[in-house]
Amino acid sequence: MCSEELGANIFRITQAEAKLKKDKIETEREACKTHNKVGKAVRDTIKRLDGTMPENLPTPNKSLKELEKDKKKQLNK
């Protein structure tokens, strides 16, 4: 995950948490609706700023699991 995607995720999480507290949302259904609403607003902002949408960000050639496996092999040699 690059800093751009990480930043968007942290922003979405903190804003959703703040809205849940501010609006005193207690039910799971309302919490899910709130998270979706905040996530949509973050995506809309990224799009409006002509940013790169998360699904269009580059992905690594290897997964974290593969990298850990390779590292473990190197350490065992």
PDB file of N, CA and C in Angstrom:
ATOM      1  N   MET A   1       0.855  -1.169   0.000  1.00  0.00           N
ATOM      2  CA  MET A   1       0.000   0.000   0.000  1.00  0.00           C
ATOM      3  C   MET A   1       0.903   1.235   0.000  1.00  0.00           C
ATOM      4  N   CYS A   2       0.670   2.124  -0.936  1.00  0.00           N
ATOM      5  CA  CYS A   2       1.469   3.346  -1.006  1.00  0.00           C
ATOM      6  C   CYS A   2       0.903   4.389  -0.034  1.00  0.00           C
ATOM      7  N   SER A   3       1.657   5.460   0.155  1.00  0.00           N
ATOM      8  CA  SER A   3       1.240   6.489   1.113  1.00  0.00           C
ATOM      9  C   SER A   3      -0.076   7.148   0.705  1.00  0.00           C
ATOM     10  N   GLU A   4      -0.320   7.246  -0.585  1.00  0.00           N
ATOM     11  CA  GLU A   4      -1.562   7.840  -1.080  1.00  0.00           C
ATOM     12  C   GLU A   4      -2.775   7.017  -0.624  1.00  0.00           C
ATOM     13  N   GLU A   5      -2.700   5.707  -0.800  1.00  0.00           N
ATOM     14  CA  GLU A   5      -3.804   4.831  -0.398  1.00  0.00           C
ATOM     15  C   GLU A   5      -3.917   4.758   1.118  1.00  0.00           C
ATOM     16  N   LEU A   6      -2.783   4.689   1.788  1.00  0.00           N
ATOM     17  CA  LEU A   6      -2.783   4.630   3.247  1.00  0.00           C
ATOM     18  C   LEU A   6      -3.416   5.893   3.831  1.00  0.00           C
ATOM     19  N   GLY A   7      -3.057   7.042   3.290  1.00  0.00           N
ATOM     20  CA  GLY A   7      -3.617   8.310   3.762  1.00  0.00           C
ATOM     21  C   GLY A   7      -5.124   8.373   3.592  1.00  0.00           C
ATOM     22  N   ALA A   8      -5.611   7.916   2.438  1.00  0.00           N
ATOM     23  CA  ALA A   8      -7.057   7.914   2.194  1.00  0.00           C
ATOM     24  C   ALA A   8      -7.760   6.983   3.174  1.00  0.00           C
ATOM     25  N   ASN A   9      -7.158   5.818   3.429  1.00  0.00           N
ATOM     26  CA  ASN A   9      -7.764   4.865   4.363  1.00  0.00           C
ATOM     27  C   ASN A   9      -7.815   5.410   5.784  1.00  0.00           C
ATOM     28  N   ILE A  10      -6.727   6.012   6.222  1.00  0.00           N
ATOM     29  CA  ILE A  10      -6.701   6.569   7.571  1.00  0.00           C
ATOM     30  C   ILE A  10      -7.710   7.706   7.694  1.00  0.00           C
ATOM     31  N   PHE A  11      -7.777   8.557   6.679  1.00  0.00           N
ATOM     32  CA  PHE A  11      -8.742   9.656   6.692  1.00  0.00           C
ATOM     33  C   PHE A  11     -10.172   9.113   6.770  1.00  0.00           C
ATOM     34  N   ARG A  12     -10.483   8.108   5.953  1.00  0.00           N
ATOM     35  CA  ARG A  12     -11.824   7.511   5.953  1.00  0.00           C
ATOM     36  C   ARG A  12     -12.159   6.914   7.314  1.00  0.00           C
ATOM     37  N   ILE A  13     -11.209   6.205   7.898  1.00  0.00           N
ATOM     38  CA  ILE A  13     -11.436   5.564   9.191  1.00  0.00           C
ATOM     39  C   ILE A  13     -11.680   6.600  10.287  1.00  0.00           C
ATOM     40  N   THR A  14     -10.819   7.613  10.347  1.00  0.00           N
ATOM     41  CA  THR A  14     -10.963   8.609  11.415  1.00  0.00           C
ATOM     42  C   THR A  14     -12.236   9.426  11.260  1.00  0.00           C
ATOM     43  N   GLN A  15     -12.604   9.762  10.015  1.00  0.00           N
ATOM     44  CA  GLN A  15     -13.822  10.548   9.799  1.00  0.00           C
ATOM     45  C   GLN A  15     -15.071   9.724  10.096  1.00  0.00           C
ATOM     46  N   ALA A  16     -15.049   8.456   9.740  1.00  0.00           N
ATOM     47  CA  ALA A  16     -16.196   7.590  10.046  1.00  0.00           C
ATOM     48  C   ALA A  16     -16.344   7.424  11.551  1.00  0.00           C
ATOM     49  N   GLU A  17     -15.238   7.211  12.238  1.00  0.00           N
ATOM     50  CA  GLU A  17     -15.279   7.064  13.698  1.00  0.00           C
ATOM     51  C   GLU A  17     -15.820   8.330  14.362  1.00  0.00           C
ATOM     52  N   ALA A  18     -15.356   9.481  13.897  1.00  0.00           N
ATOM     53  CA  ALA A  18     -15.817  10.745  14.465  1.00  0.00           C
ATOM     54  C   ALA A  18     -17.318  10.934  14.236  1.00  0.00           C
ATOM     55  N   LYS A  19     -17.788  10.576  13.045  1.00  0.00           N
ATOM     56  CA  LYS A  19     -19.216  10.727  12.734  1.00  0.00           C
ATOM     57  C   LYS A  19     -20.052   9.763  13.575  1.00  0.00           C
ATOM     58  N   LEU A  20     -19.573   8.552  13.781  1.00  0.00           N
ATOM     59  CA  LEU A  20     -20.300   7.589  14.614  1.00  0.00           C
ATOM     60  C   LEU A  20     -20.475   8.132  16.030  1.00  0.00           C
ATOM     61  N   LYS A  21     -19.403   8.727  16.563  1.00  0.00           N
ATOM     62  CA  LYS A  21     -19.471   9.287  17.915  1.00  0.00           C
ATOM     63  C   LYS A  21     -20.363  10.522  17.959  1.00  0.00           C
ATOM     64  N   LYS A  22     -20.141  11.431  17.001  1.00  0.00           N
ATOM     65  CA  LYS A  22     -20.886  12.695  16.982  1.00  0.00           C
ATOM     66  C   LYS A  22     -22.387  12.463  16.836  1.00  0.00           C
ATOM     67  N   ASP A  23     -22.745  11.533  15.949  1.00  0.00           N
ATOM     68  CA  ASP A  23     -24.159  11.258  15.693  1.00  0.00           C
ATOM     69  C   ASP A  23     -24.734  10.196  16.636  1.00  0.00           C
ATOM     70  N   LYS A  24     -23.907   9.728  17.567  1.00  0.00           N
ATOM     71  CA  LYS A  24     -24.317   8.722  18.561  1.00  0.00           C
ATOM     72  C   LYS A  24     -24.978   7.507  17.894  1.00  0.00           C
ATOM     73  N   ILE A  25     -24.309   7.001  16.881  1.00  0.00           N
ATOM     74  CA  ILE A  25     -24.810   5.841  16.145  1.00  0.00           C
ATOM     75  C   ILE A  25     -24.443   4.576  16.914  1.00  0.00           C
ATOM     76  N   GLU A  26     -25.434   3.742  17.153  1.00  0.00           N
ATOM     77  CA  GLU A  26     -25.217   2.556  17.971  1.00  0.00           C
ATOM     78  C   GLU A  26     -25.523   1.245  17.263  1.00  0.00           C
ATOM     79  N   THR A  27     -26.375   1.267  16.244  1.00  0.00           N
ATOM     80  CA  THR A  27     -26.727   0.011  15.596  1.00  0.00           C
ATOM     81  C   THR A  27     -25.730  -0.323  14.489  1.00  0.00           C
ATOM     82  N   GLU A  28     -25.551  -1.609  14.266  1.00  0.00           N
ATOM     83  CA  GLU A  28     -24.623  -2.063  13.227  1.00  0.00           C
ATOM     84  C   GLU A  28     -25.064  -1.580  11.852  1.00  0.00           C
ATOM     85  N   ARG A  29     -26.354  -1.607  11.613  1.00  0.00           N
ATOM     86  CA  ARG A  29     -26.879  -1.182  10.314  1.00  0.00           C
ATOM     87  C   ARG A  29     -26.557   0.289  10.039  1.00  0.00           C
ATOM     88  N   GLU A  30     -26.808   1.134  11.014  1.00  0.00           N
ATOM     89  CA  GLU A  30     -26.512   2.566  10.844  1.00  0.00           C
ATOM     90  C   GLU A  30     -25.007   2.812  10.742  1.00  0.00           C
ATOM     91  N   ALA A  31     -24.224   2.040  11.479  1.00  0.00           N
ATOM     92  CA  ALA A  31     -22.765   2.176  11.424  1.00  0.00           C
ATOM     93  C   ALA A  31     -22.262   1.828  10.023  1.00  0.00           C
ATOM     94  N   CYS A  32     -22.785   0.762   9.445  1.00  0.00           N
ATOM     95  CA  CYS A  32     -22.393   0.366   8.084  1.00  0.00           C
ATOM     96  C   CYS A  32     -22.772   1.443   7.076  1.00  0.00           C
ATOM     97  N   LYS A  33     -23.982   1.990   7.212  1.00  0.00           N
ATOM     98  CA  LYS A  33     -24.425   3.056   6.317  1.00  0.00           C
ATOM     99  C   LYS A  33     -23.515   4.277   6.439  1.00  0.00           C
ATOM    100  N   THR A  34     -23.122   4.596   7.670  1.00  0.00           N
ATOM    101  CA  THR A  34     -22.242   5.742   7.906  1.00  0.00           C
ATOM    102  C   THR A  34     -20.870   5.505   7.282  1.00  0.00           C
ATOM    103  N   HIS A  35     -20.303   4.321   7.486  1.00  0.00           N
ATOM    104  CA  HIS A  35     -18.995   3.998   6.895  1.00  0.00           C
ATOM    105  C   HIS A  35     -19.063   4.091   5.375  1.00  0.00           C
ATOM    106  N   ASN A  36     -20.138   3.571   4.777  1.00  0.00           N
ATOM    107  CA  ASN A  36     -20.284   3.646   3.321  1.00  0.00           C
ATOM    108  C   ASN A  36     -20.399   5.092   2.841  1.00  0.00           C
ATOM    109  N   LYS A  37     -21.161   5.893   3.575  1.00  0.00           N
ATOM    110  CA  LYS A  37     -21.346   7.300   3.208  1.00  0.00           C
ATOM    111  C   LYS A  37     -20.022   8.060   3.274  1.00  0.00           C
ATOM    112  N   VAL A  38     -19.262   7.844   4.334  1.00  0.00           N
ATOM    113  CA  VAL A  38     -17.962   8.509   4.479  1.00  0.00           C
ATOM    114  C   VAL A  38     -17.006   8.020   3.393  1.00  0.00           C
ATOM    115  N   GLY A  39     -16.989   6.710   3.139  1.00  0.00           N
ATOM    116  CA  GLY A  39     -16.124   6.156   2.095  1.00  0.00           C
ATOM    117  C   GLY A  39     -16.441   6.743   0.731  1.00  0.00           C
ATOM    118  N   LYS A  40     -17.738   6.903   0.433  1.00  0.00           N
ATOM    119  CA  LYS A  40     -18.131   7.501  -0.842  1.00  0.00           C
ATOM    120  C   LYS A  40     -17.662   8.952  -0.923  1.00  0.00           C
ATOM    121  N   ALA A  41     -17.769   9.682   0.175  1.00  0.00           N
ATOM    122  CA  ALA A  41     -17.319  11.083   0.184  1.00  0.00           C
ATOM    123  C   ALA A  41     -15.814  11.172  -0.050  1.00  0.00           C
ATOM    124  N   VAL A  42     -15.051  10.261   0.546  1.00  0.00           N
ATOM    125  CA  VAL A  42     -13.596  10.260   0.352  1.00  0.00           C
ATOM    126  C   VAL A  42     -13.280   9.950  -1.117  1.00  0.00           C
ATOM    127  N   ARG A  43     -13.947   8.939  -1.681  1.00  0.00           N
ATOM    128  CA  ARG A  43     -13.724   8.605  -3.093  1.00  0.00           C
ATOM    129  C   ARG A  43     -14.109   9.780  -3.998  1.00  0.00           C
ATOM    130  N   ASP A  44     -15.232  10.437  -3.701  1.00  0.00           N
ATOM    131  CA  ASP A  44     -15.657  11.592  -4.492  1.00  0.00           C
ATOM    132  C   ASP A  44     -14.622  12.715  -4.427  1.00  0.00           C
ATOM    133  N   THR A  45     -14.041  12.908  -3.253  1.00  0.00           N
ATOM    134  CA  THR A  45     -13.014  13.945  -3.095  1.00  0.00           C
ATOM    135  C   THR A  45     -11.777  13.600  -3.914  1.00  0.00           C
ATOM    136  N   ILE A  46     -11.342  12.355  -3.855  1.00  0.00           N
ATOM    137  CA  ILE A  46     -10.183  11.926  -4.648  1.00  0.00           C
ATOM    138  C   ILE A  46     -10.450  12.181  -6.123  1.00  0.00           C
ATOM    139  N   LYS A  47     -11.639  11.802  -6.574  1.00  0.00           N
ATOM    140  CA  LYS A  47     -12.010  11.991  -7.987  1.00  0.00           C
ATOM    141  C   LYS A  47     -12.054  13.471  -8.345  1.00  0.00           C
ATOM    142  N   ARG A  48     -12.656  14.289  -7.471  1.00  0.00           N
ATOM    143  CA  ARG A  48     -12.780  15.730  -7.726  1.00  0.00           C
ATOM    144  C   ARG A  48     -11.415  16.406  -7.811  1.00  0.00           C
ATOM    145  N   LEU A  49     -10.455  15.922  -7.029  1.00  0.00           N
ATOM    146  CA  LEU A  49      -9.107  16.488  -7.041  1.00  0.00           C
ATOM    147  C   LEU A  49      -8.246  15.910  -8.168  1.00  0.00           C
ATOM    148  N   ASP A  50      -8.876  15.081  -9.003  1.00  0.00           N
ATOM    149  CA  ASP A  50      -8.190  14.416 -10.108  1.00  0.00           C
ATOM    150  C   ASP A  50      -7.065  13.509  -9.597  1.00  0.00           C
ATOM    151  N   GLY A  51      -7.318  12.902  -8.438  1.00  0.00           N
ATOM    152  CA  GLY A  51      -6.354  11.970  -7.872  1.00  0.00           C
ATOM    153  C   GLY A  51      -6.507  10.587  -8.482  1.00  0.00           C
ATOM    154  N   THR A  52      -5.626   9.708  -8.096  1.00  0.00           N
ATOM    155  CA  THR A  52      -5.675   8.331  -8.582  1.00  0.00           C
ATOM    156  C   THR A  52      -6.602   7.521  -7.684  1.00  0.00           C
ATOM    157  N   MET A  53      -7.588   6.896  -8.282  1.00  0.00           N
ATOM    158  CA  MET A  53      -8.519   6.077  -7.516  1.00  0.00           C
ATOM    159  C   MET A  53      -7.773   4.858  -6.971  1.00  0.00           C
ATOM    160  N   PRO A  54      -8.138   4.398  -5.780  1.00  0.00           N
ATOM    161  CA  PRO A  54      -7.412   3.286  -5.153  1.00  0.00           C
ATOM    162  C   PRO A  54      -7.257   2.061  -6.050  1.00  0.00           C
ATOM    163  N   GLU A  55      -8.285   1.735  -6.812  1.00  0.00           N
ATOM    164  CA  GLU A  55      -8.203   0.554  -7.669  1.00  0.00           C
ATOM    165  C   GLU A  55      -7.243   0.739  -8.837  1.00  0.00           C
ATOM    166  N   ASN A  56      -6.817   1.982  -9.088  1.00  0.00           N
ATOM    167  CA  ASN A  56      -5.870   2.257 -10.173  1.00  0.00           C
ATOM    168  C   ASN A  56      -4.446   2.485  -9.688  1.00  0.00           C
ATOM    169  N   LEU A  57      -4.230   2.384  -8.386  1.00  0.00           N
ATOM    170  CA  LEU A  57      -2.887   2.536  -7.848  1.00  0.00           C
ATOM    171  C   LEU A  57      -2.069   1.287  -8.170  1.00  0.00           C
ATOM    172  N   PRO A  58      -0.755   1.446  -8.323  1.00  0.00           N
ATOM    173  CA  PRO A  58       0.073   0.277  -8.641  1.00  0.00           C
ATOM    174  C   PRO A  58       0.068  -0.741  -7.503  1.00  0.00           C
ATOM    175  N   THR A  59       0.164  -1.992  -7.880  1.00  0.00           N
ATOM    176  CA  THR A  59       0.233  -3.064  -6.886  1.00  0.00           C
ATOM    177  C   THR A  59       1.604  -3.719  -6.972  1.00  0.00           C
ATOM    178  N   PRO A  60       2.079  -4.263  -5.853  1.00  0.00           N
ATOM    179  CA  PRO A  60       3.395  -4.903  -5.873  1.00  0.00           C
ATOM    180  C   PRO A  60       3.380  -6.180  -6.714  1.00  0.00           C
ATOM    181  N   ASN A  61       4.571  -6.571  -7.175  1.00  0.00           N
ATOM    182  CA  ASN A  61       4.685  -7.791  -7.967  1.00  0.00           C
ATOM    183  C   ASN A  61       4.428  -9.034  -7.123  1.00  0.00           C
ATOM    184  N   LYS A  62       4.775  -8.963  -5.849  1.00  0.00           N
ATOM    185  CA  LYS A  62       4.592 -10.092  -4.943  1.00  0.00           C
ATOM    186  C   LYS A  62       3.713  -9.673  -3.775  1.00  0.00           C
ATOM    187  N   SER A  63       2.952 -10.634  -3.269  1.00  0.00           N
ATOM    188  CA  SER A  63       2.114 -10.369  -2.101  1.00  0.00           C
ATOM    189  C   SER A  63       2.985 -10.347  -0.850  1.00  0.00           C
ATOM    190  N   LEU A  64       2.436  -9.843   0.230  1.00  0.00           N
ATOM    191  CA  LEU A  64       3.156  -9.809   1.501  1.00  0.00           C
ATOM    192  C   LEU A  64       3.532 -11.223   1.933  1.00  0.00           C
ATOM    193  N   LYS A  65       2.632 -12.154   1.711  1.00  0.00           N
ATOM    194  CA  LYS A  65       2.891 -13.552   2.077  1.00  0.00           C
ATOM    195  C   LYS A  65       4.096 -14.101   1.298  1.00  0.00           C
ATOM    196  N   GLU A  66       4.159 -13.783   0.005  1.00  0.00           N
ATOM    197  CA  GLU A  66       5.287 -14.233  -0.817  1.00  0.00           C
ATOM    198  C   GLU A  66       6.596 -13.595  -0.366  1.00  0.00           C
ATOM    199  N   LEU A  67       6.549 -12.313  -0.038  1.00  0.00           N
ATOM    200  CA  LEU A  67       7.751 -11.622   0.430  1.00  0.00           C
ATOM    201  C   LEU A  67       8.250 -12.212   1.747  1.00  0.00           C
ATOM    202  N   GLU A  68       7.319 -12.512   2.652  1.00  0.00           N
ATOM    203  CA  GLU A  68       7.698 -13.118   3.932  1.00  0.00           C
ATOM    204  C   GLU A  68       8.311 -14.501   3.715  1.00  0.00           C
ATOM    205  N   LYS A  69       7.745 -15.262   2.798  1.00  0.00           N
ATOM    206  CA  LYS A  69       8.263 -16.594   2.487  1.00  0.00           C
ATOM    207  C   LYS A  69       9.680 -16.498   1.926  1.00  0.00           C
ATOM    208  N   ASP A  70       9.905 -15.548   1.002  1.00  0.00           N
ATOM    209  CA  ASP A  70      11.238 -15.339   0.424  1.00  0.00           C
ATOM    210  C   ASP A  70      12.235 -14.936   1.502  1.00  0.00           C
ATOM    211  N   LYS A  71      11.814 -14.055   2.383  1.00  0.00           N
ATOM    212  CA  LYS A  71      12.702 -13.589   3.463  1.00  0.00           C
ATOM    213  C   LYS A  71      13.071 -14.750   4.381  1.00  0.00           C
ATOM    214  N   LYS A  72      12.103 -15.575   4.696  1.00  0.00           N
ATOM    215  CA  LYS A  72      12.339 -16.733   5.562  1.00  0.00           C
ATOM    216  C   LYS A  72      13.343 -17.700   4.905  1.00  0.00           C
ATOM    217  N   LYS A  73      13.211 -17.903   3.596  1.00  0.00           N
ATOM    218  CA  LYS A  73      14.148 -18.769   2.857  1.00  0.00           C
ATOM    219  C   LYS A  73      15.559 -18.206   2.949  1.00  0.00           C
ATOM    220  N   GLN A  74      15.687 -16.883   2.786  1.00  0.00           N
ATOM    221  CA  GLN A  74      17.010 -16.240   2.843  1.00  0.00           C
ATOM    222  C   GLN A  74      17.632 -16.393   4.217  1.00  0.00           C
ATOM    223  N   LEU A  75      16.838 -16.275   5.260  1.00  0.00           N
ATOM    224  CA  LEU A  75      17.346 -16.381   6.619  1.00  0.00           C
ATOM    225  C   LEU A  75      17.772 -17.810   6.944  1.00  0.00           C
ATOM    226  N   ASN A  76      17.129 -18.791   6.335  1.00  0.00           N
ATOM    227  CA  ASN A  76      17.441 -20.189   6.602  1.00  0.00           C
ATOM    228  C   ASN A  76      18.666 -20.675   5.845  1.00  0.00           C
ATOM    229  N   LYS A  77      19.153 -19.912   4.907  1.00  0.00           N
ATOM    230  CA  LYS A  77      20.335 -20.319   4.113  1.00  0.00           C
ATOM    231  C   LYS A  77      21.602 -20.103   4.870  1.00  0.00           C
TER     232      LYS A  77
END
